[in-house]
Structures are given as structure tokens and as C-alpha cells.
Amino acid sequence: MRRSLILALAILCGWPILSSCQQSSECLVDAEEVKQANNDIVMLDVRTPQEFAQGHLDGAININVLQSDFTKEVEQLDKNKTYYVYCRSGRRSANAQKMMKNIGFQEVCNVKGGVLRLGANGVELVKP
């Protein structure tokens, strides 16, 4: 009985570790990788249009992840291209990344820390 209890506790305690390993398999890029990105990578800004207007990566596409038709909008993009998805801090872009993967996008990478971390690491944002 005691062994069964210990085994059950070990499995339960190990579950968060295993699930976090699965999450870490998602593509995550940092500021250096964004700086070195080539023209084949599509920068997708998932912030609001107002945030986008305050500064964004050069050549970025803006599709607000909070709008009700986000999925419909991104479905119009080429699912075979590589996307670097970013927002202010990385939370909304992580959600967008999951949504895009669920509808068949092959390569979607979340930009770690969003524009906050990009700016802190010398990545310049352009303003319209």
C-alpha cells in the first residue's frame, strides 16, 4: 500500500515537469535570432493596431490576436512559411502561436519577451 502511494505521488509530482517539457518543445526565438532573421521569415505582430502604430519590426504584418476573426485572418497567410510572432511581452504571441499551429502552420516561433525584450536588446522598431 505504501509503495502504491509513493508511486502515485511520484507520478503526480512529475506530471508538471513532463508537461513543461512538452511546452518547451515549441519554437521560441530571442532578440539575436530576430536580428539575424532573413527575408524568408515573416514577422507577425499580434498586438492591437494602436500598439503596432507605436513601433513595430520593419516589414511586420499586424493581425490583432484579440480580434474575433484572428483565425480567419491568419488562415489567409501561407502556412508553409516561417513566422516569428510577437506582442508586447510574449503572452499574446504564445497564444497566437498555439492557434496557428492548431490550424496547420508548420513553423511558428514565439519571440521571447516580445517588444519589451527586443527593445532592451537593441532591436529597433519602426514607426509609421
N, C-alpha and C. Protein backbone atom coordinates (compact mmCIF):
# COMPACT_ATOMS: atom_id res chain seq x y z
N MET A 1 0.83 -1.20 0.00
CA MET A 1 0.00 0.00 0.00
C MET A 1 0.87 1.26 0.00
N ARG A 2 1.89 1.25 0.86
CA ARG A 2 2.76 2.42 0.96
C ARG A 2 3.50 2.67 -0.36
N ARG A 3 3.95 1.58 -1.01
CA ARG A 3 4.63 1.72 -2.30
C ARG A 3 3.71 2.32 -3.35
N SER A 4 2.47 1.90 -3.35
CA SER A 4 1.50 2.43 -4.31
C SER A 4 1.28 3.92 -4.10
N LEU A 5 1.22 4.32 -2.85
CA LEU A 5 1.04 5.73 -2.52
C LEU A 5 2.25 6.55 -2.97
N ILE A 6 3.43 6.03 -2.71
CA ILE A 6 4.65 6.74 -3.12
C ILE A 6 4.72 6.83 -4.64
N LEU A 7 4.39 5.75 -5.32
CA LEU A 7 4.38 5.76 -6.78
C LEU A 7 3.37 6.76 -7.33
N ALA A 8 2.20 6.78 -6.74
CA ALA A 8 1.16 7.73 -7.17
C ALA A 8 1.62 9.17 -6.96
N LEU A 9 2.24 9.45 -5.82
CA LEU A 9 2.75 10.80 -5.56
C LEU A 9 3.87 11.17 -6.53
N ALA A 10 4.73 10.22 -6.82
CA ALA A 10 5.83 10.49 -7.75
C ALA A 10 5.28 10.82 -9.14
N ILE A 11 4.27 10.09 -9.56
CA ILE A 11 3.67 10.36 -10.86
C ILE A 11 3.01 11.73 -10.88
N LEU A 12 2.24 12.02 -9.83
CA LEU A 12 1.57 13.31 -9.76
C LEU A 12 2.55 14.47 -9.69
N CYS A 13 3.60 14.31 -8.91
CA CYS A 13 4.59 15.38 -8.78
C CYS A 13 5.41 15.54 -10.06
N GLY A 14 5.61 14.46 -10.77
CA GLY A 14 6.37 14.51 -12.01
C GLY A 14 5.58 15.04 -13.18
N TRP A 15 4.26 15.01 -13.10
CA TRP A 15 3.42 15.44 -14.21
C TRP A 15 3.70 16.87 -14.66
N PRO A 16 3.79 17.86 -13.73
CA PRO A 16 4.09 19.23 -14.20
C PRO A 16 5.44 19.32 -14.91
N ILE A 17 6.39 18.54 -14.49
CA ILE A 17 7.70 18.55 -15.13
C ILE A 17 7.57 18.03 -16.56
N LEU A 18 6.85 16.93 -16.73
CA LEU A 18 6.67 16.37 -18.06
C LEU A 18 5.89 17.32 -18.96
N SER A 19 4.85 17.94 -18.43
CA SER A 19 4.06 18.83 -19.27
C SER A 19 4.84 20.07 -19.65
N SER A 20 5.72 20.56 -18.78
CA SER A 20 6.52 21.73 -19.14
C SER A 20 7.54 21.37 -20.20
N CYS A 21 7.99 20.12 -20.22
CA CYS A 21 8.91 19.69 -21.27
C CYS A 21 8.21 19.72 -22.62
N GLN A 22 6.96 19.33 -22.64
CA GLN A 22 6.23 19.36 -23.89
C GLN A 22 6.06 20.80 -24.37
N GLN A 23 5.79 21.71 -23.46
CA GLN A 23 5.62 23.11 -23.84
C GLN A 23 6.91 23.70 -24.37
N SER A 24 8.05 23.30 -23.80
CA SER A 24 9.31 23.88 -24.21
C SER A 24 9.72 23.42 -25.61
N SER A 25 9.05 22.39 -26.15
CA SER A 25 9.37 21.95 -27.49
C SER A 25 8.85 22.94 -28.54
N GLU A 26 7.99 23.87 -28.14
CA GLU A 26 7.51 24.90 -29.06
C GLU A 26 8.68 25.80 -29.43
N CYS A 27 8.65 26.32 -30.63
CA CYS A 27 9.70 27.19 -31.11
C CYS A 27 9.68 28.54 -30.37
N LEU A 28 10.81 28.89 -29.82
CA LEU A 28 10.97 30.15 -29.09
C LEU A 28 12.26 30.80 -29.58
N VAL A 29 12.18 32.06 -30.03
CA VAL A 29 13.37 32.75 -30.52
C VAL A 29 13.64 33.98 -29.66
N ASP A 30 14.90 34.38 -29.62
CA ASP A 30 15.27 35.56 -28.83
C ASP A 30 15.64 36.72 -29.74
N ALA A 31 16.04 37.82 -29.13
CA ALA A 31 16.35 39.04 -29.88
C ALA A 31 17.46 38.83 -30.91
N GLU A 32 18.47 38.05 -30.57
CA GLU A 32 19.57 37.81 -31.51
C GLU A 32 19.08 37.09 -32.76
N GLU A 33 18.18 36.13 -32.58
CA GLU A 33 17.64 35.42 -33.73
C GLU A 33 16.76 36.33 -34.58
N VAL A 34 16.05 37.24 -33.94
CA VAL A 34 15.25 38.21 -34.68
C VAL A 34 16.17 39.12 -35.49
N LYS A 35 17.27 39.57 -34.90
CA LYS A 35 18.23 40.44 -35.60
C LYS A 35 18.80 39.74 -36.83
N GLN A 36 19.00 38.43 -36.74
CA GLN A 36 19.63 37.67 -37.82
C GLN A 36 18.64 37.07 -38.81
N ALA A 37 17.36 37.34 -38.62
CA ALA A 37 16.33 36.76 -39.48
C ALA A 37 16.49 37.24 -40.92
N ASN A 38 16.24 36.34 -41.84
CA ASN A 38 16.32 36.71 -43.26
C ASN A 38 14.93 37.05 -43.78
N ASN A 39 14.86 37.42 -45.04
CA ASN A 39 13.60 37.84 -45.64
C ASN A 39 12.59 36.71 -45.82
N ASP A 40 13.02 35.48 -45.64
CA ASP A 40 12.10 34.35 -45.76
C ASP A 40 11.22 34.20 -44.52
N ILE A 41 11.60 34.86 -43.44
CA ILE A 41 10.84 34.77 -42.19
C ILE A 41 9.85 35.93 -42.13
N VAL A 42 8.61 35.60 -41.84
CA VAL A 42 7.56 36.62 -41.76
C VAL A 42 7.42 37.04 -40.30
N MET A 43 7.53 38.34 -40.06
CA MET A 43 7.31 38.89 -38.72
C MET A 43 5.83 39.20 -38.58
N LEU A 44 5.21 38.60 -37.58
CA LEU A 44 3.78 38.79 -37.35
C LEU A 44 3.57 39.42 -35.99
N ASP A 45 3.11 40.65 -36.00
CA ASP A 45 2.82 41.41 -34.78
C ASP A 45 1.35 41.17 -34.44
N VAL A 46 1.09 40.60 -33.27
CA VAL A 46 -0.29 40.25 -32.91
C VAL A 46 -0.88 41.22 -31.89
N ARG A 47 -0.27 42.40 -31.76
CA ARG A 47 -0.80 43.43 -30.87
C ARG A 47 -1.93 44.20 -31.54
N THR A 48 -2.50 45.12 -30.80
CA THR A 48 -3.56 45.95 -31.35
C THR A 48 -2.98 46.91 -32.39
N PRO A 49 -3.80 47.44 -33.29
CA PRO A 49 -3.30 48.42 -34.27
C PRO A 49 -2.69 49.65 -33.59
N GLN A 50 -3.23 50.04 -32.44
CA GLN A 50 -2.69 51.19 -31.71
C GLN A 50 -1.27 50.89 -31.21
N GLU A 51 -1.06 49.69 -30.69
CA GLU A 51 0.28 49.30 -30.24
C GLU A 51 1.23 49.21 -31.43
N PHE A 52 0.76 48.64 -32.51
CA PHE A 52 1.56 48.49 -33.73
C PHE A 52 2.04 49.86 -34.20
N ALA A 53 1.15 50.87 -34.16
CA ALA A 53 1.49 52.22 -34.61
C ALA A 53 2.55 52.88 -33.73
N GLN A 54 2.71 52.42 -32.51
CA GLN A 54 3.72 52.98 -31.61
C GLN A 54 5.12 52.49 -31.94
N GLY A 55 5.22 51.45 -32.75
CA GLY A 55 6.51 50.91 -33.15
C GLY A 55 6.42 49.41 -33.36
N HIS A 56 7.01 48.94 -34.46
CA HIS A 56 6.95 47.52 -34.80
C HIS A 56 8.20 47.13 -35.56
N LEU A 57 8.41 45.84 -35.74
CA LEU A 57 9.54 45.37 -36.52
C LEU A 57 9.34 45.75 -37.98
N ASP A 58 10.42 46.10 -38.63
CA ASP A 58 10.38 46.51 -40.02
C ASP A 58 9.78 45.39 -40.88
N GLY A 59 8.76 45.71 -41.67
CA GLY A 59 8.13 44.76 -42.56
C GLY A 59 7.11 43.84 -41.90
N ALA A 60 6.82 44.06 -40.63
CA ALA A 60 5.89 43.18 -39.91
C ALA A 60 4.47 43.33 -40.41
N ILE A 61 3.74 42.23 -40.32
CA ILE A 61 2.30 42.20 -40.60
C ILE A 61 1.61 42.32 -39.25
N ASN A 62 0.52 43.08 -39.21
CA ASN A 62 -0.22 43.24 -37.95
C ASN A 62 -1.59 42.58 -38.05
N ILE A 63 -1.79 41.56 -37.23
CA ILE A 63 -3.10 40.93 -37.08
C ILE A 63 -3.33 40.77 -35.58
N ASN A 64 -4.30 41.47 -35.07
CA ASN A 64 -4.59 41.51 -33.64
C ASN A 64 -5.15 40.17 -33.16
N VAL A 65 -4.42 39.50 -32.28
CA VAL A 65 -4.86 38.20 -31.77
C VAL A 65 -6.14 38.31 -30.94
N LEU A 66 -6.43 39.50 -30.44
CA LEU A 66 -7.62 39.68 -29.60
C LEU A 66 -8.90 39.89 -30.42
N GLN A 67 -8.77 40.11 -31.72
CA GLN A 67 -9.97 40.32 -32.53
C GLN A 67 -10.62 38.97 -32.80
N SER A 68 -11.92 38.99 -32.93
CA SER A 68 -12.69 37.75 -33.07
C SER A 68 -12.37 36.97 -34.34
N ASP A 69 -11.91 37.65 -35.38
CA ASP A 69 -11.62 36.96 -36.63
C ASP A 69 -10.13 36.71 -36.85
N PHE A 70 -9.36 36.62 -35.77
CA PHE A 70 -7.91 36.38 -35.87
C PHE A 70 -7.63 35.13 -36.69
N THR A 71 -8.27 34.03 -36.36
CA THR A 71 -8.03 32.78 -37.07
C THR A 71 -8.35 32.92 -38.55
N LYS A 72 -9.46 33.56 -38.86
CA LYS A 72 -9.84 33.77 -40.26
C LYS A 72 -8.78 34.59 -40.99
N GLU A 73 -8.25 35.60 -40.32
CA GLU A 73 -7.22 36.46 -40.93
C GLU A 73 -5.92 35.70 -41.18
N VAL A 74 -5.45 34.95 -40.19
CA VAL A 74 -4.17 34.26 -40.36
C VAL A 74 -4.28 33.09 -41.33
N GLU A 75 -5.49 32.53 -41.48
CA GLU A 75 -5.67 31.44 -42.45
C GLU A 75 -5.37 31.88 -43.87
N GLN A 76 -5.38 33.17 -44.12
CA GLN A 76 -5.08 33.70 -45.46
C GLN A 76 -3.58 33.73 -45.74
N LEU A 77 -2.77 33.54 -44.70
CA LEU A 77 -1.32 33.55 -44.85
C LEU A 77 -0.83 32.18 -45.34
N ASP A 78 0.38 32.15 -45.89
CA ASP A 78 1.00 30.92 -46.38
C ASP A 78 1.42 30.06 -45.19
N LYS A 79 0.82 28.90 -45.03
CA LYS A 79 1.08 28.02 -43.89
C LYS A 79 2.45 27.35 -43.96
N ASN A 80 3.12 27.43 -45.09
CA ASN A 80 4.42 26.79 -45.24
C ASN A 80 5.60 27.71 -44.94
N LYS A 81 5.34 28.97 -44.69
CA LYS A 81 6.41 29.91 -44.36
C LYS A 81 6.73 29.84 -42.87
N THR A 82 7.85 30.43 -42.49
CA THR A 82 8.24 30.51 -41.09
C THR A 82 7.80 31.86 -40.54
N TYR A 83 7.16 31.84 -39.38
CA TYR A 83 6.64 33.06 -38.75
C TYR A 83 7.30 33.27 -37.40
N TYR A 84 7.75 34.51 -37.17
CA TYR A 84 8.17 34.95 -35.85
C TYR A 84 7.03 35.82 -35.34
N VAL A 85 6.34 35.34 -34.32
CA VAL A 85 5.15 36.00 -33.80
C VAL A 85 5.53 36.74 -32.52
N TYR A 86 5.11 38.00 -32.43
CA TYR A 86 5.46 38.77 -31.23
C TYR A 86 4.33 39.70 -30.81
N CYS A 87 4.40 40.08 -29.54
CA CYS A 87 3.45 41.05 -28.97
C CYS A 87 4.26 41.94 -28.03
N ARG A 88 3.66 42.44 -26.99
CA ARG A 88 4.37 43.31 -26.06
C ARG A 88 5.34 42.52 -25.18
N SER A 89 4.85 41.41 -24.59
CA SER A 89 5.68 40.69 -23.63
C SER A 89 5.86 39.20 -23.94
N GLY A 90 5.10 38.68 -24.87
CA GLY A 90 5.22 37.27 -25.23
C GLY A 90 4.02 36.41 -24.89
N ARG A 91 3.09 36.94 -24.13
CA ARG A 91 1.91 36.16 -23.74
C ARG A 91 0.91 35.98 -24.87
N ARG A 92 0.52 37.08 -25.46
CA ARG A 92 -0.45 37.01 -26.56
C ARG A 92 0.14 36.25 -27.75
N SER A 93 1.43 36.47 -28.00
CA SER A 93 2.05 35.77 -29.13
C SER A 93 2.15 34.27 -28.87
N ALA A 94 2.30 33.86 -27.62
CA ALA A 94 2.29 32.43 -27.30
C ALA A 94 0.92 31.83 -27.61
N ASN A 95 -0.13 32.57 -27.30
CA ASN A 95 -1.49 32.11 -27.64
C ASN A 95 -1.68 32.05 -29.15
N ALA A 96 -1.21 33.08 -29.84
CA ALA A 96 -1.32 33.11 -31.30
C ALA A 96 -0.55 31.95 -31.92
N GLN A 97 0.62 31.67 -31.37
CA GLN A 97 1.44 30.56 -31.85
C GLN A 97 0.67 29.25 -31.76
N LYS A 98 0.04 29.00 -30.64
CA LYS A 98 -0.74 27.77 -30.46
C LYS A 98 -1.90 27.70 -31.44
N MET A 99 -2.58 28.82 -31.60
CA MET A 99 -3.72 28.86 -32.52
C MET A 99 -3.26 28.57 -33.95
N MET A 100 -2.15 29.16 -34.34
CA MET A 100 -1.64 28.96 -35.70
C MET A 100 -1.20 27.52 -35.92
N LYS A 101 -0.54 26.94 -34.94
CA LYS A 101 -0.12 25.54 -35.05
C LYS A 101 -1.35 24.63 -35.17
N ASN A 102 -2.40 24.95 -34.42
CA ASN A 102 -3.62 24.13 -34.44
C ASN A 102 -4.34 24.16 -35.79
N ILE A 103 -4.14 25.22 -36.57
CA ILE A 103 -4.81 25.28 -37.87
C ILE A 103 -3.87 24.92 -39.02
N GLY A 104 -2.70 24.39 -38.69
CA GLY A 104 -1.85 23.81 -39.72
C GLY A 104 -0.60 24.56 -40.14
N PHE A 105 -0.23 25.64 -39.45
CA PHE A 105 1.02 26.32 -39.77
C PHE A 105 2.18 25.44 -39.33
N GLN A 106 3.18 25.34 -40.19
CA GLN A 106 4.31 24.44 -39.94
C GLN A 106 5.33 25.01 -38.96
N GLU A 107 5.78 26.24 -39.21
CA GLU A 107 6.85 26.86 -38.41
C GLU A 107 6.39 28.18 -37.83
N VAL A 108 6.05 28.18 -36.55
CA VAL A 108 5.63 29.40 -35.86
C VAL A 108 6.46 29.50 -34.59
N CYS A 109 7.25 30.57 -34.51
CA CYS A 109 8.12 30.77 -33.35
C CYS A 109 7.67 32.00 -32.58
N ASN A 110 7.58 31.85 -31.27
CA ASN A 110 7.23 32.96 -30.40
C ASN A 110 8.50 33.74 -30.08
N VAL A 111 8.43 35.07 -30.18
CA VAL A 111 9.57 35.91 -29.84
C VAL A 111 9.57 36.12 -28.33
N LYS A 112 10.58 35.57 -27.69
CA LYS A 112 10.69 35.59 -26.24
C LYS A 112 10.74 37.02 -25.69
N GLY A 113 9.78 37.34 -24.84
CA GLY A 113 9.76 38.64 -24.18
C GLY A 113 9.15 39.77 -25.00
N GLY A 114 8.73 39.48 -26.23
CA GLY A 114 8.08 40.49 -27.07
C GLY A 114 8.90 41.73 -27.31
N VAL A 115 8.21 42.83 -27.65
CA VAL A 115 8.93 44.08 -27.97
C VAL A 115 9.65 44.64 -26.76
N LEU A 116 9.19 44.30 -25.56
CA LEU A 116 9.91 44.77 -24.37
C LEU A 116 11.34 44.24 -24.36
N ARG A 117 11.49 42.96 -24.58
CA ARG A 117 12.83 42.37 -24.58
C ARG A 117 13.60 42.74 -25.84
N LEU A 118 12.90 42.84 -26.97
CA LEU A 118 13.59 43.23 -28.20
C LEU A 118 14.23 44.60 -28.03
N GLY A 119 13.45 45.56 -27.52
CA GLY A 119 13.98 46.91 -27.30
C GLY A 119 15.14 46.93 -26.33
N ALA A 120 15.05 46.16 -25.28
CA ALA A 120 16.12 46.09 -24.28
C ALA A 120 17.39 45.47 -24.86
N ASN A 121 17.25 44.73 -25.97
CA ASN A 121 18.40 44.08 -26.59
C ASN A 121 18.83 44.75 -27.91
N GLY A 122 18.40 45.98 -28.10
CA GLY A 122 18.88 46.76 -29.22
C GLY A 122 18.20 46.54 -30.56
N VAL A 123 17.07 45.86 -30.56
CA VAL A 123 16.34 45.68 -31.81
C VAL A 123 15.50 46.93 -32.04
N GLU A 124 15.71 47.56 -33.19
CA GLU A 124 15.00 48.81 -33.45
C GLU A 124 13.60 48.56 -33.99
N LEU A 125 12.68 49.37 -33.53
CA LEU A 125 11.31 49.34 -34.01
C LEU A 125 11.09 50.54 -34.92
N VAL A 126 10.30 50.34 -35.96
CA VAL A 126 9.99 51.44 -36.86
C VAL A 126 8.60 51.98 -36.53
N LYS A 127 8.43 53.27 -36.78
CA LYS A 127 7.13 53.91 -36.58
C LYS A 127 6.64 54.44 -37.91
N PRO A 128 5.35 54.22 -38.19
CA PRO A 128 4.83 54.69 -39.48
C PRO A 128 4.83 56.20 -39.58
